[in-house]
Amino acid sequence: MSVSHFLGLKIPGLFIYFDIPSYPYQDGIISSLALGWSLFFYTAFTNPIKNIDLVKTILIAGVAAIIILYFINFRTSFSILNNYASIKIIWLEIILLFIYWLWLVVFYVRVKKSCN
C-alpha cells in the first residue's frame, strides 16, 4: 500500500478510494503512514507472544480506521468528485478490510489463550 500511494498507482484494494482524485501530497502522507503501520505490524507479528500488547493496539487502531471509513462513506458525495465513482466497490473493500480485522482478532485471542 505504501509503494502504491508513493507512486500514485490507483490500484483497488491498495487505494480504498481508488477512483476518486487525490493530490500528490495526500498520497505522500498516506505512503509514509502506511510504511509506519507496516513496520508496526511486522514488529507485532514476528513474535506475537512477546508483543501481544502491540497486537491489541493494532486491533484497536484497526477498528477505529474501519469506523472512520464508514463515516467517510456516508458523509461524502463521491459523485461530485467523480461521476463514475462506484461506492459499491468502496464498500466491498471496507467489508474485506473488516474480515481481515476479524481474522486478526481470532489470531489475537488464540495467542492470548496460549500465553495463559
N, C-alpha and C. Protein backbone atom coordinates (compact mmCIF):
# COMPACT_ATOMS: atom_id res chain seq x y z
N MET A 1 0.83 -1.18 0.00
CA MET A 1 0.00 0.00 0.00
C MET A 1 0.88 1.25 0.00
N SER A 2 1.93 1.21 0.77
CA SER A 2 2.83 2.36 0.86
C SER A 2 3.44 2.68 -0.50
N VAL A 3 3.93 1.66 -1.19
CA VAL A 3 4.55 1.86 -2.50
C VAL A 3 3.52 2.35 -3.51
N SER A 4 2.33 1.76 -3.46
CA SER A 4 1.26 2.16 -4.37
C SER A 4 0.92 3.65 -4.22
N HIS A 5 0.78 4.10 -2.98
CA HIS A 5 0.49 5.52 -2.75
C HIS A 5 1.68 6.40 -3.14
N PHE A 6 2.89 5.95 -2.81
CA PHE A 6 4.08 6.74 -3.13
C PHE A 6 4.19 6.97 -4.64
N LEU A 7 3.89 5.93 -5.42
CA LEU A 7 3.98 6.03 -6.88
C LEU A 7 2.70 6.57 -7.52
N GLY A 8 1.65 6.74 -6.72
CA GLY A 8 0.38 7.24 -7.25
C GLY A 8 -0.37 6.22 -8.10
N LEU A 9 -0.13 4.94 -7.86
CA LEU A 9 -0.81 3.87 -8.61
C LEU A 9 -2.16 3.59 -7.97
N LYS A 10 -3.21 3.92 -8.66
CA LYS A 10 -4.57 3.76 -8.12
C LYS A 10 -5.04 2.32 -8.32
N ILE A 11 -4.62 1.45 -7.42
CA ILE A 11 -4.95 0.03 -7.50
C ILE A 11 -6.02 -0.28 -6.46
N PRO A 12 -7.20 -0.78 -6.90
CA PRO A 12 -8.24 -1.13 -5.93
C PRO A 12 -7.71 -2.12 -4.90
N GLY A 13 -8.07 -1.90 -3.65
CA GLY A 13 -7.58 -2.73 -2.56
C GLY A 13 -6.39 -2.08 -1.87
N LEU A 14 -5.56 -1.41 -2.63
CA LEU A 14 -4.44 -0.67 -2.05
C LEU A 14 -4.82 0.79 -1.88
N PHE A 15 -5.74 1.24 -2.69
CA PHE A 15 -6.36 2.57 -2.57
C PHE A 15 -7.83 2.30 -2.28
N ILE A 16 -8.32 2.59 -1.09
CA ILE A 16 -9.74 2.38 -0.80
C ILE A 16 -10.59 3.23 -1.76
N TYR A 17 -10.21 4.50 -1.92
CA TYR A 17 -10.96 5.41 -2.80
C TYR A 17 -10.18 5.58 -4.10
N PHE A 18 -9.98 4.46 -4.82
CA PHE A 18 -9.11 4.44 -5.98
C PHE A 18 -9.63 5.24 -7.17
N ASP A 19 -10.94 5.43 -7.26
CA ASP A 19 -11.47 6.17 -8.41
C ASP A 19 -11.86 7.61 -8.06
N ILE A 20 -11.34 8.10 -6.96
CA ILE A 20 -11.55 9.48 -6.52
C ILE A 20 -10.22 10.21 -6.68
N PRO A 21 -10.23 11.40 -7.28
CA PRO A 21 -8.96 12.14 -7.45
C PRO A 21 -8.30 12.45 -6.11
N SER A 22 -6.99 12.42 -6.11
CA SER A 22 -6.23 12.80 -4.91
C SER A 22 -5.03 13.63 -5.34
N TYR A 23 -4.50 14.38 -4.40
CA TYR A 23 -3.34 15.22 -4.67
C TYR A 23 -2.07 14.46 -4.29
N PRO A 24 -0.97 14.73 -4.98
CA PRO A 24 0.28 14.03 -4.66
C PRO A 24 0.71 14.18 -3.20
N TYR A 25 0.47 15.32 -2.59
CA TYR A 25 0.88 15.48 -1.19
C TYR A 25 0.07 14.55 -0.29
N GLN A 26 -1.20 14.31 -0.63
CA GLN A 26 -2.01 13.38 0.15
C GLN A 26 -1.45 11.97 0.05
N ASP A 27 -1.07 11.59 -1.17
CA ASP A 27 -0.50 10.26 -1.38
C ASP A 27 0.82 10.10 -0.65
N GLY A 28 1.61 11.16 -0.58
CA GLY A 28 2.88 11.11 0.15
C GLY A 28 2.67 10.91 1.63
N ILE A 29 1.69 11.61 2.19
CA ILE A 29 1.37 11.46 3.61
C ILE A 29 0.90 10.04 3.90
N ILE A 30 -0.02 9.56 3.08
CA ILE A 30 -0.56 8.22 3.26
C ILE A 30 0.54 7.18 3.10
N SER A 31 1.43 7.40 2.14
CA SER A 31 2.54 6.48 1.91
C SER A 31 3.43 6.35 3.15
N SER A 32 3.76 7.47 3.75
CA SER A 32 4.63 7.41 4.93
C SER A 32 3.91 6.78 6.11
N LEU A 33 2.63 7.07 6.28
CA LEU A 33 1.87 6.46 7.37
C LEU A 33 1.72 4.95 7.16
N ALA A 34 1.46 4.55 5.92
CA ALA A 34 1.31 3.12 5.62
C ALA A 34 2.62 2.38 5.86
N LEU A 35 3.74 3.00 5.54
CA LEU A 35 5.03 2.38 5.81
C LEU A 35 5.23 2.20 7.31
N GLY A 36 4.89 3.22 8.09
CA GLY A 36 4.99 3.12 9.54
C GLY A 36 4.12 2.01 10.09
N TRP A 37 2.89 1.92 9.59
CA TRP A 37 1.98 0.87 10.04
C TRP A 37 2.51 -0.51 9.67
N SER A 38 3.09 -0.63 8.48
CA SER A 38 3.61 -1.95 8.08
C SER A 38 4.75 -2.37 9.00
N LEU A 39 5.59 -1.44 9.40
CA LEU A 39 6.66 -1.76 10.35
C LEU A 39 6.09 -2.12 11.72
N PHE A 40 5.03 -1.44 12.11
CA PHE A 40 4.34 -1.73 13.36
C PHE A 40 3.76 -3.15 13.33
N PHE A 41 3.09 -3.50 12.21
CA PHE A 41 2.55 -4.85 12.04
C PHE A 41 3.67 -5.88 12.09
N TYR A 42 4.74 -5.64 11.37
CA TYR A 42 5.86 -6.59 11.33
C TYR A 42 6.42 -6.83 12.73
N THR A 43 6.62 -5.76 13.46
CA THR A 43 7.15 -5.88 14.83
C THR A 43 6.21 -6.68 15.71
N ALA A 44 4.92 -6.40 15.61
CA ALA A 44 3.94 -7.08 16.47
C ALA A 44 3.81 -8.56 16.15
N PHE A 45 3.85 -8.90 14.86
CA PHE A 45 3.54 -10.27 14.48
C PHE A 45 4.76 -11.17 14.27
N THR A 46 5.98 -10.63 14.38
CA THR A 46 7.15 -11.51 14.29
C THR A 46 7.27 -12.35 15.55
N ASN A 47 6.87 -11.80 16.68
CA ASN A 47 6.86 -12.55 17.94
C ASN A 47 5.60 -12.13 18.70
N PRO A 48 4.43 -12.65 18.28
CA PRO A 48 3.17 -12.18 18.87
C PRO A 48 3.04 -12.45 20.36
N ILE A 49 3.67 -13.49 20.87
CA ILE A 49 3.56 -13.77 22.30
C ILE A 49 4.29 -12.67 23.09
N LYS A 50 5.48 -12.30 22.62
CA LYS A 50 6.24 -11.25 23.29
C LYS A 50 5.58 -9.87 23.09
N ASN A 51 4.99 -9.66 21.92
CA ASN A 51 4.44 -8.34 21.56
C ASN A 51 2.90 -8.32 21.57
N ILE A 52 2.29 -9.08 22.45
CA ILE A 52 0.83 -9.20 22.45
C ILE A 52 0.14 -7.86 22.67
N ASP A 53 0.76 -6.96 23.42
CA ASP A 53 0.16 -5.64 23.63
C ASP A 53 0.16 -4.82 22.34
N LEU A 54 1.18 -4.99 21.50
CA LEU A 54 1.20 -4.31 20.20
C LEU A 54 0.06 -4.82 19.31
N VAL A 55 -0.17 -6.14 19.34
CA VAL A 55 -1.26 -6.72 18.54
C VAL A 55 -2.59 -6.12 18.99
N LYS A 56 -2.78 -6.01 20.29
CA LYS A 56 -4.02 -5.42 20.82
C LYS A 56 -4.17 -3.97 20.35
N THR A 57 -3.08 -3.21 20.35
CA THR A 57 -3.11 -1.82 19.88
C THR A 57 -3.48 -1.75 18.41
N ILE A 58 -2.93 -2.67 17.60
CA ILE A 58 -3.26 -2.71 16.18
C ILE A 58 -4.75 -2.98 15.98
N LEU A 59 -5.30 -3.88 16.78
CA LEU A 59 -6.73 -4.20 16.67
C LEU A 59 -7.60 -2.98 17.01
N ILE A 60 -7.22 -2.25 18.02
CA ILE A 60 -7.97 -1.04 18.40
C ILE A 60 -7.87 0.01 17.29
N ALA A 61 -6.66 0.22 16.78
CA ALA A 61 -6.49 1.19 15.69
C ALA A 61 -7.23 0.73 14.43
N GLY A 62 -7.24 -0.57 14.19
CA GLY A 62 -7.93 -1.11 13.01
C GLY A 62 -9.42 -0.88 13.06
N VAL A 63 -10.04 -1.13 14.20
CA VAL A 63 -11.49 -0.91 14.29
C VAL A 63 -11.80 0.59 14.19
N ALA A 64 -10.92 1.43 14.73
CA ALA A 64 -11.12 2.88 14.59
C ALA A 64 -11.07 3.29 13.12
N ALA A 65 -10.11 2.73 12.38
CA ALA A 65 -10.00 3.05 10.95
C ALA A 65 -11.22 2.61 10.18
N ILE A 66 -11.74 1.43 10.48
CA ILE A 66 -12.94 0.93 9.79
C ILE A 66 -14.14 1.83 10.09
N ILE A 67 -14.29 2.24 11.32
CA ILE A 67 -15.39 3.14 11.70
C ILE A 67 -15.25 4.49 10.97
N ILE A 68 -14.04 5.01 10.90
CA ILE A 68 -13.82 6.28 10.20
C ILE A 68 -14.16 6.14 8.71
N LEU A 69 -13.74 5.04 8.08
CA LEU A 69 -14.08 4.82 6.67
C LEU A 69 -15.60 4.74 6.48
N TYR A 70 -16.28 4.10 7.41
CA TYR A 70 -17.74 4.01 7.37
C TYR A 70 -18.36 5.41 7.35
N PHE A 71 -17.90 6.28 8.24
CA PHE A 71 -18.45 7.64 8.30
C PHE A 71 -18.06 8.47 7.08
N ILE A 72 -16.85 8.27 6.56
CA ILE A 72 -16.45 8.97 5.34
C ILE A 72 -17.40 8.62 4.20
N ASN A 73 -17.75 7.35 4.08
CA ASN A 73 -18.65 6.92 3.00
C ASN A 73 -20.03 7.57 3.11
N PHE A 74 -20.51 7.78 4.31
CA PHE A 74 -21.84 8.35 4.47
C PHE A 74 -21.87 9.87 4.37
N ARG A 75 -20.77 10.53 4.65
CA ARG A 75 -20.82 12.00 4.63
C ARG A 75 -20.21 12.60 3.36
N THR A 76 -19.69 11.77 2.47
CA THR A 76 -19.05 12.27 1.26
C THR A 76 -19.92 11.99 0.05
N SER A 77 -20.10 13.01 -0.77
CA SER A 77 -20.81 12.85 -2.04
C SER A 77 -19.75 12.56 -3.12
N PHE A 78 -19.49 11.29 -3.34
CA PHE A 78 -18.43 10.90 -4.26
C PHE A 78 -18.74 11.27 -5.71
N SER A 79 -20.01 11.37 -6.05
CA SER A 79 -20.36 11.72 -7.43
C SER A 79 -19.89 13.13 -7.79
N ILE A 80 -19.75 14.02 -6.80
CA ILE A 80 -19.23 15.36 -7.06
C ILE A 80 -17.74 15.27 -7.43
N LEU A 81 -17.03 14.36 -6.79
CA LEU A 81 -15.60 14.20 -7.04
C LEU A 81 -15.31 13.44 -8.33
N ASN A 82 -16.18 12.49 -8.66
CA ASN A 82 -16.00 11.69 -9.86
C ASN A 82 -17.36 11.10 -10.23
N ASN A 83 -17.87 11.46 -11.39
CA ASN A 83 -19.19 10.97 -11.83
C ASN A 83 -19.25 9.46 -11.95
N TYR A 84 -18.10 8.82 -12.13
CA TYR A 84 -18.07 7.38 -12.35
C TYR A 84 -17.64 6.59 -11.11
N ALA A 85 -17.54 7.26 -9.99
CA ALA A 85 -17.12 6.58 -8.76
C ALA A 85 -18.14 5.52 -8.37
N SER A 86 -17.64 4.35 -8.01
CA SER A 86 -18.52 3.25 -7.62
C SER A 86 -18.42 3.02 -6.11
N ILE A 87 -19.42 3.45 -5.40
CA ILE A 87 -19.43 3.29 -3.94
C ILE A 87 -19.53 1.81 -3.56
N LYS A 88 -20.09 0.98 -4.45
CA LYS A 88 -20.20 -0.45 -4.15
C LYS A 88 -18.82 -1.10 -4.00
N ILE A 89 -17.90 -0.72 -4.84
CA ILE A 89 -16.54 -1.28 -4.75
C ILE A 89 -15.88 -0.79 -3.47
N ILE A 90 -16.09 0.47 -3.12
CA ILE A 90 -15.53 1.02 -1.89
C ILE A 90 -16.06 0.25 -0.69
N TRP A 91 -17.37 -0.02 -0.66
CA TRP A 91 -17.95 -0.79 0.44
C TRP A 91 -17.38 -2.20 0.48
N LEU A 92 -17.19 -2.80 -0.69
CA LEU A 92 -16.61 -4.15 -0.74
C LEU A 92 -15.22 -4.16 -0.12
N GLU A 93 -14.41 -3.16 -0.45
CA GLU A 93 -13.07 -3.08 0.12
C GLU A 93 -13.12 -2.93 1.64
N ILE A 94 -14.05 -2.15 2.12
CA ILE A 94 -14.16 -1.95 3.58
C ILE A 94 -14.65 -3.23 4.25
N ILE A 95 -15.56 -3.95 3.61
CA ILE A 95 -16.02 -5.24 4.14
C ILE A 95 -14.86 -6.23 4.20
N LEU A 96 -14.04 -6.26 3.15
CA LEU A 96 -12.87 -7.15 3.15
C LEU A 96 -11.87 -6.74 4.22
N LEU A 97 -11.70 -5.46 4.42
CA LEU A 97 -10.83 -4.97 5.49
C LEU A 97 -11.37 -5.40 6.85
N PHE A 98 -12.69 -5.36 7.04
CA PHE A 98 -13.31 -5.79 8.28
C PHE A 98 -13.09 -7.30 8.50
N ILE A 99 -13.22 -8.08 7.43
CA ILE A 99 -12.99 -9.53 7.54
C ILE A 99 -11.54 -9.80 7.93
N TYR A 100 -10.61 -9.06 7.34
CA TYR A 100 -9.19 -9.19 7.72
C TYR A 100 -9.00 -8.83 9.19
N TRP A 101 -9.67 -7.78 9.63
CA TRP A 101 -9.58 -7.36 11.04
C TRP A 101 -10.12 -8.48 11.94
N LEU A 102 -11.24 -9.08 11.56
CA LEU A 102 -11.78 -10.19 12.35
C LEU A 102 -10.80 -11.36 12.42
N TRP A 103 -10.12 -11.64 11.33
CA TRP A 103 -9.12 -12.69 11.31
C TRP A 103 -8.01 -12.37 12.31
N LEU A 104 -7.59 -11.11 12.37
CA LEU A 104 -6.57 -10.70 13.34
C LEU A 104 -7.08 -10.84 14.77
N VAL A 105 -8.36 -10.58 14.99
CA VAL A 105 -8.95 -10.75 16.32
C VAL A 105 -8.88 -12.23 16.73
N VAL A 106 -9.24 -13.12 15.83
CA VAL A 106 -9.17 -14.56 16.11
C VAL A 106 -7.73 -14.95 16.43
N PHE A 107 -6.79 -14.45 15.65
CA PHE A 107 -5.37 -14.71 15.90
C PHE A 107 -4.97 -14.22 17.28
N TYR A 108 -5.37 -13.01 17.61
CA TYR A 108 -5.05 -12.42 18.91
C TYR A 108 -5.59 -13.27 20.05
N VAL A 109 -6.85 -13.69 19.95
CA VAL A 109 -7.48 -14.49 21.00
C VAL A 109 -6.74 -15.82 21.17
N ARG A 110 -6.36 -16.44 20.05
CA ARG A 110 -5.65 -17.72 20.13
C ARG A 110 -4.29 -17.55 20.78
N VAL A 111 -3.56 -16.49 20.41
CA VAL A 111 -2.25 -16.26 21.01
C VAL A 111 -2.41 -15.93 22.48
N LYS A 112 -3.39 -15.12 22.82
CA LYS A 112 -3.62 -14.73 24.22
C LYS A 112 -3.91 -15.96 25.07
N LYS A 113 -4.73 -16.89 24.53
CA LYS A 113 -5.02 -18.12 25.27
C LYS A 113 -3.78 -18.98 25.47
N SER A 114 -2.92 -19.00 24.46
CA SER A 114 -1.71 -19.83 24.58
C SER A 114 -0.72 -19.22 25.59
N CYS A 115 -0.84 -17.92 25.86
CA CYS A 115 0.03 -17.27 26.85
C CYS A 115 -0.38 -17.62 28.28
N ASN A 116 -1.63 -17.95 28.45
CA ASN A 116 -2.16 -18.21 29.81
C ASN A 116 -2.00 -19.62 30.22
